[in-house]
């Protein structure tokens, strides 16, 4: 766990003046999504591209389908298809 948070801990000094509290919260959400992608062994850039292209059509009833865990099987299938 310590190694997982090391980049964030090292960057604290650089991010000290990131802006107001809302920007800090936004950064925390983005860091959480990226770390979850890494934990699930999916490419964070591919996840963000897929999730953000589907976000405009999402509703509050189906937004849970855009989490890294929900999209991991699809991203893994896409990766395997590209490798073949």
PDB file of N, CA and C in Angstrom:
ATOM      1  N   UNK A   1       0.829  -1.183   0.000  1.00  0.00           N
ATOM      2  CA  UNK A   1       0.000   0.000   0.000  1.00  0.00           C
ATOM      3  C   UNK A   1       0.880   1.256   0.000  1.00  0.00           C
ATOM      4  N   UNK A   2       1.947   1.191   0.736  1.00  0.00           N
ATOM      5  CA  UNK A   2       2.834   2.357   0.813  1.00  0.00           C
ATOM      6  C   UNK A   2       3.378   2.728  -0.561  1.00  0.00           C
ATOM      7  N   UNK A   3       3.748   1.726  -1.346  1.00  0.00           N
ATOM      8  CA  UNK A   3       4.254   1.997  -2.698  1.00  0.00           C
ATOM      9  C   UNK A   3       3.162   2.576  -3.601  1.00  0.00           C
ATOM     10  N   UNK A   4       1.926   2.196  -3.362  1.00  0.00           N
ATOM     11  CA  UNK A   4       0.821   2.687  -4.192  1.00  0.00           C
ATOM     12  C   UNK A   4       0.589   4.180  -3.995  1.00  0.00           C
ATOM     13  N   UNK A   5       0.807   4.678  -2.786  1.00  0.00           N
ATOM     14  CA  UNK A   5       0.551   6.094  -2.532  1.00  0.00           C
ATOM     15  C   UNK A   5       1.810   6.951  -2.617  1.00  0.00           C
ATOM     16  N   UNK A   6       2.956   6.319  -2.844  1.00  0.00           N
ATOM     17  CA  UNK A   6       4.206   7.072  -2.892  1.00  0.00           C
ATOM     18  C   UNK A   6       4.186   8.217  -3.912  1.00  0.00           C
ATOM     19  N   UNK A   7       3.722   8.018  -5.175  1.00  0.00           N
ATOM     20  CA  UNK A   7       3.720   9.148  -6.119  1.00  0.00           C
ATOM     21  C   UNK A   7       2.912  10.338  -5.608  1.00  0.00           C
ATOM     22  N   UNK A   8       1.809  10.072  -4.952  1.00  0.00           N
ATOM     23  CA  UNK A   8       1.001  11.152  -4.407  1.00  0.00           C
ATOM     24  C   UNK A   8       1.728  11.845  -3.267  1.00  0.00           C
ATOM     25  N   UNK A   9       2.361  11.068  -2.405  1.00  0.00           N
ATOM     26  CA  UNK A   9       3.096  11.652  -1.278  1.00  0.00           C
ATOM     27  C   UNK A   9       4.267  12.488  -1.767  1.00  0.00           C
ATOM     28  N   UNK A  10       4.967  12.020  -2.770  1.00  0.00           N
ATOM     29  CA  UNK A  10       6.106  12.756  -3.316  1.00  0.00           C
ATOM     30  C   UNK A  10       5.635  14.048  -3.978  1.00  0.00           C
ATOM     31  N   UNK A  11       4.478  14.012  -4.621  1.00  0.00           N
ATOM     32  CA  UNK A  11       3.976  15.179  -5.332  1.00  0.00           C
ATOM     33  C   UNK A  11       3.306  16.227  -4.469  1.00  0.00           C
ATOM     34  N   UNK A  12       3.104  15.966  -3.186  1.00  0.00           N
ATOM     35  CA  UNK A  12       2.388  16.918  -2.326  1.00  0.00           C
ATOM     36  C   UNK A  12       2.993  18.310  -2.368  1.00  0.00           C
ATOM     37  N   UNK A  13       4.296  18.391  -2.335  1.00  0.00           N
ATOM     38  CA  UNK A  13       4.946  19.695  -2.354  1.00  0.00           C
ATOM     39  C   UNK A  13       4.644  20.425  -3.666  1.00  0.00           C
ATOM     40  N   UNK A  14       4.660  19.705  -4.766  1.00  0.00           N
ATOM     41  CA  UNK A  14       4.374  20.308  -6.062  1.00  0.00           C
ATOM     42  C   UNK A  14       2.917  20.729  -6.193  1.00  0.00           C
ATOM     43  N   UNK A  15       2.035  20.005  -5.543  1.00  0.00           N
ATOM     44  CA  UNK A  15       0.610  20.267  -5.674  1.00  0.00           C
ATOM     45  C   UNK A  15       0.068  21.115  -4.539  1.00  0.00           C
ATOM     46  N   UNK A  16       0.926  21.657  -3.717  1.00  0.00           N
ATOM     47  CA  UNK A  16       0.499  22.426  -2.556  1.00  0.00           C
ATOM     48  C   UNK A  16      -0.426  23.572  -2.957  1.00  0.00           C
ATOM     49  N   UNK A  17      -0.133  24.208  -4.079  1.00  0.00           N
ATOM     50  CA  UNK A  17      -0.924  25.351  -4.506  1.00  0.00           C
ATOM     51  C   UNK A  17      -1.730  25.007  -5.754  1.00  0.00           C
ATOM     52  N   UNK A  18      -2.461  23.888  -5.693  1.00  0.00           N
ATOM     53  CA  UNK A  18      -3.225  23.408  -6.834  1.00  0.00           C
ATOM     54  C   UNK A  18      -4.429  24.314  -7.111  1.00  0.00           C
ATOM     55  N   UNK A  19      -4.842  25.072  -6.146  1.00  0.00           N
ATOM     56  CA  UNK A  19      -5.999  25.954  -6.310  1.00  0.00           C
ATOM     57  C   UNK A  19      -6.867  25.878  -5.081  1.00  0.00           C
ATOM     58  N   UNK A  20      -8.143  26.087  -5.272  1.00  0.00           N
ATOM     59  CA  UNK A  20      -9.042  26.048  -4.129  1.00  0.00           C
ATOM     60  C   UNK A  20      -9.399  24.608  -3.748  1.00  0.00           C
ATOM     61  N   UNK A  21     -10.215  24.475  -2.714  1.00  0.00           N
ATOM     62  CA  UNK A  21     -10.552  23.150  -2.179  1.00  0.00           C
ATOM     63  C   UNK A  21     -11.262  22.277  -3.203  1.00  0.00           C
ATOM     64  N   UNK A  22     -12.070  22.870  -4.076  1.00  0.00           N
ATOM     65  CA  UNK A  22     -12.781  22.085  -5.090  1.00  0.00           C
ATOM     66  C   UNK A  22     -11.814  21.421  -6.064  1.00  0.00           C
ATOM     67  N   UNK A  23     -10.757  22.107  -6.415  1.00  0.00           N
ATOM     68  CA  UNK A  23      -9.774  21.517  -7.330  1.00  0.00           C
ATOM     69  C   UNK A  23      -9.028  20.372  -6.651  1.00  0.00           C
ATOM     70  N   UNK A  24      -8.814  20.500  -5.368  1.00  0.00           N
ATOM     71  CA  UNK A  24      -8.195  19.407  -4.620  1.00  0.00           C
ATOM     72  C   UNK A  24      -9.077  18.176  -4.605  1.00  0.00           C
ATOM     73  N   UNK A  25     -10.374  18.384  -4.444  1.00  0.00           N
ATOM     74  CA  UNK A  25     -11.312  17.262  -4.458  1.00  0.00           C
ATOM     75  C   UNK A  25     -11.350  16.602  -5.836  1.00  0.00           C
ATOM     76  N   UNK A  26     -11.331  17.402  -6.889  1.00  0.00           N
ATOM     77  CA  UNK A  26     -11.312  16.873  -8.254  1.00  0.00           C
ATOM     78  C   UNK A  26     -10.043  16.051  -8.488  1.00  0.00           C
ATOM     79  N   UNK A  27      -8.918  16.560  -8.020  1.00  0.00           N
ATOM     80  CA  UNK A  27      -7.653  15.830  -8.155  1.00  0.00           C
ATOM     81  C   UNK A  27      -7.716  14.502  -7.421  1.00  0.00           C
ATOM     82  N   UNK A  28      -8.305  14.502  -6.241  1.00  0.00           N
ATOM     83  CA  UNK A  28      -8.415  13.270  -5.460  1.00  0.00           C
ATOM     84  C   UNK A  28      -9.257  12.229  -6.193  1.00  0.00           C
ATOM     85  N   UNK A  29     -10.333  12.664  -6.830  1.00  0.00           N
ATOM     86  CA  UNK A  29     -11.184  11.740  -7.592  1.00  0.00           C
ATOM     87  C   UNK A  29     -10.400  11.161  -8.767  1.00  0.00           C
ATOM     88  N   UNK A  30      -9.681  12.012  -9.486  1.00  0.00           N
ATOM     89  CA  UNK A  30      -8.899  11.530 -10.628  1.00  0.00           C
ATOM     90  C   UNK A  30      -7.804  10.567 -10.195  1.00  0.00           C
ATOM     91  N   UNK A  31      -7.099  10.892  -9.108  1.00  0.00           N
ATOM     92  CA  UNK A  31      -6.069   9.988  -8.604  1.00  0.00           C
ATOM     93  C   UNK A  31      -6.668   8.648  -8.188  1.00  0.00           C
ATOM     94  N   UNK A  32      -7.842   8.685  -7.591  1.00  0.00           N
ATOM     95  CA  UNK A  32      -8.508   7.449  -7.172  1.00  0.00           C
ATOM     96  C   UNK A  32      -8.873   6.590  -8.373  1.00  0.00           C
ATOM     97  N   UNK A  33      -9.422   7.207  -9.424  1.00  0.00           N
ATOM     98  CA  UNK A  33      -9.776   6.451 -10.633  1.00  0.00           C
ATOM     99  C   UNK A  33      -8.546   5.837 -11.290  1.00  0.00           C
ATOM    100  N   UNK A  34      -7.478   6.600 -11.380  1.00  0.00           N
ATOM    101  CA  UNK A  34      -6.256   6.088 -12.005  1.00  0.00           C
ATOM    102  C   UNK A  34      -5.662   4.949 -11.187  1.00  0.00           C
ATOM    103  N   UNK A  35      -5.648   5.086  -9.867  1.00  0.00           N
ATOM    104  CA  UNK A  35      -5.106   4.023  -9.026  1.00  0.00           C
ATOM    105  C   UNK A  35      -5.967   2.769  -9.108  1.00  0.00           C
ATOM    106  N   UNK A  36      -7.281   2.941  -9.201  1.00  0.00           N
ATOM    107  CA  UNK A  36      -8.170   1.784  -9.334  1.00  0.00           C
ATOM    108  C   UNK A  36      -7.914   1.066 -10.655  1.00  0.00           C
ATOM    109  N   UNK A  37      -7.657   1.813 -11.727  1.00  0.00           N
ATOM    110  CA  UNK A  37      -7.306   1.197 -13.014  1.00  0.00           C
ATOM    111  C   UNK A  37      -6.022   0.386 -12.876  1.00  0.00           C
ATOM    112  N   UNK A  38      -5.044   0.948 -12.211  1.00  0.00           N
ATOM    113  CA  UNK A  38      -3.782   0.228 -12.011  1.00  0.00           C
ATOM    114  C   UNK A  38      -3.993  -1.036 -11.191  1.00  0.00           C
ATOM    115  N   UNK A  39      -4.839  -0.933 -10.166  1.00  0.00           N
ATOM    116  CA  UNK A  39      -5.108  -2.104  -9.322  1.00  0.00           C
ATOM    117  C   UNK A  39      -5.776  -3.216 -10.132  1.00  0.00           C
ATOM    118  N   UNK A  40      -6.651  -2.826 -11.054  1.00  0.00           N
ATOM    119  CA  UNK A  40      -7.359  -3.797 -11.892  1.00  0.00           C
ATOM    120  C   UNK A  40      -6.562  -4.204 -13.127  1.00  0.00           C
ATOM    121  N   UNK A  41      -5.364  -3.615 -13.264  1.00  0.00           N
ATOM    122  CA  UNK A  41      -4.465  -3.897 -14.379  1.00  0.00           C
ATOM    123  C   UNK A  41      -5.095  -3.561 -15.727  1.00  0.00           C
ATOM    124  N   UNK A  42      -5.735  -2.396 -15.775  1.00  0.00           N
ATOM    125  CA  UNK A  42      -6.241  -1.879 -17.046  1.00  0.00           C
ATOM    126  C   UNK A  42      -5.554  -0.546 -17.316  1.00  0.00           C
ATOM    127  N   UNK A  43      -5.464  -0.178 -18.577  1.00  0.00           N
ATOM    128  CA  UNK A  43      -4.802   1.053 -18.979  1.00  0.00           C
ATOM    129  C   UNK A  43      -5.668   2.247 -18.580  1.00  0.00           C
ATOM    130  N   UNK A  44      -5.171   3.139 -17.701  1.00  0.00           N
ATOM    131  CA  UNK A  44      -5.977   4.286 -17.274  1.00  0.00           C
ATOM    132  C   UNK A  44      -6.413   5.188 -18.421  1.00  0.00           C
ATOM    133  N   UNK A  45      -5.561   5.369 -19.420  1.00  0.00           N
ATOM    134  CA  UNK A  45      -5.914   6.226 -20.558  1.00  0.00           C
ATOM    135  C   UNK A  45      -7.062   5.616 -21.356  1.00  0.00           C
ATOM    136  N   UNK A  46      -7.020   4.312 -21.592  1.00  0.00           N
ATOM    137  CA  UNK A  46      -8.111   3.653 -22.313  1.00  0.00           C
ATOM    138  C   UNK A  46      -9.410   3.727 -21.512  1.00  0.00           C
ATOM    139  N   UNK A  47      -9.294   3.539 -20.193  1.00  0.00           N
ATOM    140  CA  UNK A  47     -10.489   3.623 -19.344  1.00  0.00           C
ATOM    141  C   UNK A  47     -11.105   5.014 -19.424  1.00  0.00           C
ATOM    142  N   UNK A  48     -10.273   6.046 -19.263  1.00  0.00           N
ATOM    143  CA  UNK A  48     -10.784   7.422 -19.262  1.00  0.00           C
ATOM    144  C   UNK A  48     -11.424   7.752 -20.614  1.00  0.00           C
ATOM    145  N   UNK A  49     -10.803   7.322 -21.705  1.00  0.00           N
ATOM    146  CA  UNK A  49     -11.355   7.568 -23.035  1.00  0.00           C
ATOM    147  C   UNK A  49     -12.724   6.915 -23.177  1.00  0.00           C
ATOM    148  N   UNK A  50     -12.829   5.655 -22.786  1.00  0.00           N
ATOM    149  CA  UNK A  50     -14.097   4.936 -22.896  1.00  0.00           C
ATOM    150  C   UNK A  50     -15.158   5.539 -21.980  1.00  0.00           C
ATOM    151  N   UNK A  51     -14.802   5.793 -20.736  1.00  0.00           N
ATOM    152  CA  UNK A  51     -15.777   6.318 -19.774  1.00  0.00           C
ATOM    153  C   UNK A  51     -16.247   7.718 -20.170  1.00  0.00           C
ATOM    154  N   UNK A  52     -15.330   8.560 -20.592  1.00  0.00           N
ATOM    155  CA  UNK A  52     -15.720   9.931 -20.933  1.00  0.00           C
ATOM    156  C   UNK A  52     -16.522  10.011 -22.231  1.00  0.00           C
ATOM    157  N   UNK A  53     -16.321   9.070 -23.149  1.00  0.00           N
ATOM    158  CA  UNK A  53     -17.154   9.076 -24.360  1.00  0.00           C
ATOM    159  C   UNK A  53     -18.571   8.598 -24.059  1.00  0.00           C
ATOM    160  N   UNK A  54     -18.731   7.766 -23.042  1.00  0.00           N
ATOM    161  CA  UNK A  54     -20.064   7.270 -22.671  1.00  0.00           C
ATOM    162  C   UNK A  54     -20.771   8.168 -21.658  1.00  0.00           C
ATOM    163  N   UNK A  55     -20.042   9.024 -20.997  1.00  0.00           N
ATOM    164  CA  UNK A  55     -20.613   9.849 -19.937  1.00  0.00           C
ATOM    165  C   UNK A  55     -21.767  10.743 -20.393  1.00  0.00           C
ATOM    166  N   UNK A  56     -21.710  11.387 -21.557  1.00  0.00           N
ATOM    167  CA  UNK A  56     -22.830  12.258 -21.940  1.00  0.00           C
ATOM    168  C   UNK A  56     -24.173  11.538 -22.049  1.00  0.00           C
ATOM    169  N   UNK A  57     -24.156  10.266 -22.381  1.00  0.00           N
ATOM    170  CA  UNK A  57     -25.404   9.511 -22.510  1.00  0.00           C
ATOM    171  C   UNK A  57     -25.826   8.851 -21.203  1.00  0.00           C
ATOM    172  N   UNK A  58     -25.001   8.948 -20.173  1.00  0.00           N
ATOM    173  CA  UNK A  58     -25.297   8.288 -18.899  1.00  0.00           C
ATOM    174  C   UNK A  58     -26.351   9.058 -18.107  1.00  0.00           C
ATOM    175  N   UNK A  59     -27.103   8.309 -17.334  1.00  0.00           N
ATOM    176  CA  UNK A  59     -28.073   8.909 -16.410  1.00  0.00           C
ATOM    177  C   UNK A  59     -27.665   8.533 -14.996  1.00  0.00           C
ATOM    178  N   UNK A  60     -28.346   9.122 -14.021  1.00  0.00           N
ATOM    179  CA  UNK A  60     -28.012   8.778 -12.643  1.00  0.00           C
ATOM    180  C   UNK A  60     -28.359   7.326 -12.314  1.00  0.00           C
ATOM    181  N   UNK A  61     -29.153   6.677 -13.146  1.00  0.00           N
ATOM    182  CA  UNK A  61     -29.515   5.281 -12.911  1.00  0.00           C
ATOM    183  C   UNK A  61     -28.482   4.302 -13.465  1.00  0.00           C
ATOM    184  N   UNK A  62     -27.689   4.717 -14.456  1.00  0.00           N
ATOM    185  CA  UNK A  62     -26.718   3.784 -15.033  1.00  0.00           C
ATOM    186  C   UNK A  62     -25.274   4.284 -14.971  1.00  0.00           C
ATOM    187  N   UNK A  63     -25.020   5.359 -14.237  1.00  0.00           N
ATOM    188  CA  UNK A  63     -23.662   5.883 -14.157  1.00  0.00           C
ATOM    189  C   UNK A  63     -22.717   4.890 -13.466  1.00  0.00           C
ATOM    190  N   UNK A  64     -23.255   4.000 -12.657  1.00  0.00           N
ATOM    191  CA  UNK A  64     -22.425   2.986 -11.993  1.00  0.00           C
ATOM    192  C   UNK A  64     -21.767   2.039 -12.997  1.00  0.00           C
ATOM    193  N   UNK A  65     -22.254   2.003 -14.220  1.00  0.00           N
ATOM    194  CA  UNK A  65     -21.656   1.140 -15.241  1.00  0.00           C
ATOM    195  C   UNK A  65     -20.379   1.739 -15.831  1.00  0.00           C
ATOM    196  N   UNK A  66     -20.007   2.935 -15.387  1.00  0.00           N
ATOM    197  CA  UNK A  66     -18.810   3.597 -15.912  1.00  0.00           C
ATOM    198  C   UNK A  66     -17.620   3.515 -14.962  1.00  0.00           C
ATOM    199  N   UNK A  67     -17.719   2.770 -13.896  1.00  0.00           N
ATOM    200  CA  UNK A  67     -16.596   2.627 -12.973  1.00  0.00           C
ATOM    201  C   UNK A  67     -15.519   1.749 -13.593  1.00  0.00           C
ATOM    202  N   UNK A  68     -14.289   1.871 -13.124  1.00  0.00           N
ATOM    203  CA  UNK A  68     -13.231   1.001 -13.663  1.00  0.00           C
ATOM    204  C   UNK A  68     -13.563  -0.485 -13.527  1.00  0.00           C
ATOM    205  N   UNK A  69     -14.131  -0.889 -12.415  1.00  0.00           N
ATOM    206  CA  UNK A  69     -14.465  -2.303 -12.221  1.00  0.00           C
ATOM    207  C   UNK A  69     -15.526  -2.770 -13.214  1.00  0.00           C
ATOM    208  N   UNK A  70     -16.495  -1.911 -13.510  1.00  0.00           N
ATOM    209  CA  UNK A  70     -17.559  -2.280 -14.446  1.00  0.00           C
ATOM    210  C   UNK A  70     -17.048  -2.366 -15.879  1.00  0.00           C
ATOM    211  N   UNK A  71     -16.094  -1.517 -16.239  1.00  0.00           N
ATOM    212  CA  UNK A  71     -15.579  -1.503 -17.613  1.00  0.00           C
ATOM    213  C   UNK A  71     -14.359  -2.398 -17.806  1.00  0.00           C
ATOM    214  N   UNK A  72     -13.807  -2.931 -16.735  1.00  0.00           N
ATOM    215  CA  UNK A  72     -12.600  -3.767 -16.837  1.00  0.00           C
ATOM    216  C   UNK A  72     -12.780  -4.953 -17.777  1.00  0.00           C
ATOM    217  N   UNK A  73     -13.876  -5.711 -17.695  1.00  0.00           N
ATOM    218  CA  UNK A  73     -14.011  -6.847 -18.629  1.00  0.00           C
ATOM    219  C   UNK A  73     -13.994  -6.413 -20.092  1.00  0.00           C
ATOM    220  N   UNK A  74     -14.637  -5.312 -20.396  1.00  0.00           N
ATOM    221  CA  UNK A  74     -14.672  -4.822 -21.778  1.00  0.00           C
ATOM    222  C   UNK A  74     -13.290  -4.353 -22.225  1.00  0.00           C
ATOM    223  N   UNK A  75     -12.580  -3.663 -21.353  1.00  0.00           N
ATOM    224  CA  UNK A  75     -11.241  -3.183 -21.699  1.00  0.00           C
ATOM    225  C   UNK A  75     -10.278  -4.354 -21.869  1.00  0.00           C
ATOM    226  N   UNK A  76     -10.440  -5.387 -21.061  1.00  0.00           N
ATOM    227  CA  UNK A  76      -9.590  -6.570 -21.195  1.00  0.00           C
ATOM    228  C   UNK A  76      -9.869  -7.283 -22.506  1.00  0.00           C
ATOM    229  N   UNK A  77     -11.148  -7.376 -22.892  1.00  0.00           N
ATOM    230  CA  UNK A  77     -11.516  -8.007 -24.170  1.00  0.00           C
ATOM    231  C   UNK A  77     -10.942  -7.221 -25.332  1.00  0.00           C
ATOM    232  N   UNK A  78     -11.024  -5.893 -25.273  1.00  0.00           N
ATOM    233  CA  UNK A  78     -10.482  -5.063 -26.335  1.00  0.00           C
ATOM    234  C   UNK A  78      -8.964  -5.256 -26.447  1.00  0.00           C
ATOM    235  N   UNK A  79      -8.289  -5.347 -25.316  1.00  0.00           N
ATOM    236  CA  UNK A  79      -6.852  -5.541 -25.306  1.00  0.00           C
ATOM    237  C   UNK A  79      -6.475  -6.888 -25.907  1.00  0.00           C
ATOM    238  N   UNK A  80      -7.214  -7.933 -25.549  1.00  0.00           N
ATOM    239  CA  UNK A  80      -6.936  -9.266 -26.075  1.00  0.00           C
ATOM    240  C   UNK A  80      -7.211  -9.314 -27.575  1.00  0.00           C
ATOM    241  N   UNK A  81      -8.245  -8.636 -28.046  1.00  0.00           N
ATOM    242  CA  UNK A  81      -8.571  -8.620 -29.468  1.00  0.00           C
ATOM    243  C   UNK A  81      -7.484  -7.888 -30.263  1.00  0.00           C
ATOM    244  N   UNK A  82      -6.941  -6.807 -29.699  1.00  0.00           N
ATOM    245  CA  UNK A  82      -5.877  -6.067 -30.387  1.00  0.00           C
ATOM    246  C   UNK A  82      -4.601  -6.878 -30.437  1.00  0.00           C
ATOM    247  N   UNK A  83      -4.340  -7.687 -29.411  1.00  0.00           N
ATOM    248  CA  UNK A  83      -3.113  -8.482 -29.346  1.00  0.00           C
ATOM    249  C   UNK A  83      -3.158  -9.650 -30.336  1.00  0.00           C
ATOM    250  N   UNK A  84      -4.354 -10.117 -30.658  1.00  0.00           N
ATOM    251  CA  UNK A  84      -4.474 -11.281 -31.549  1.00  0.00           C
ATOM    252  C   UNK A  84      -4.309 -10.936 -33.002  1.00  0.00           C
TER     253      UNK A  84
END
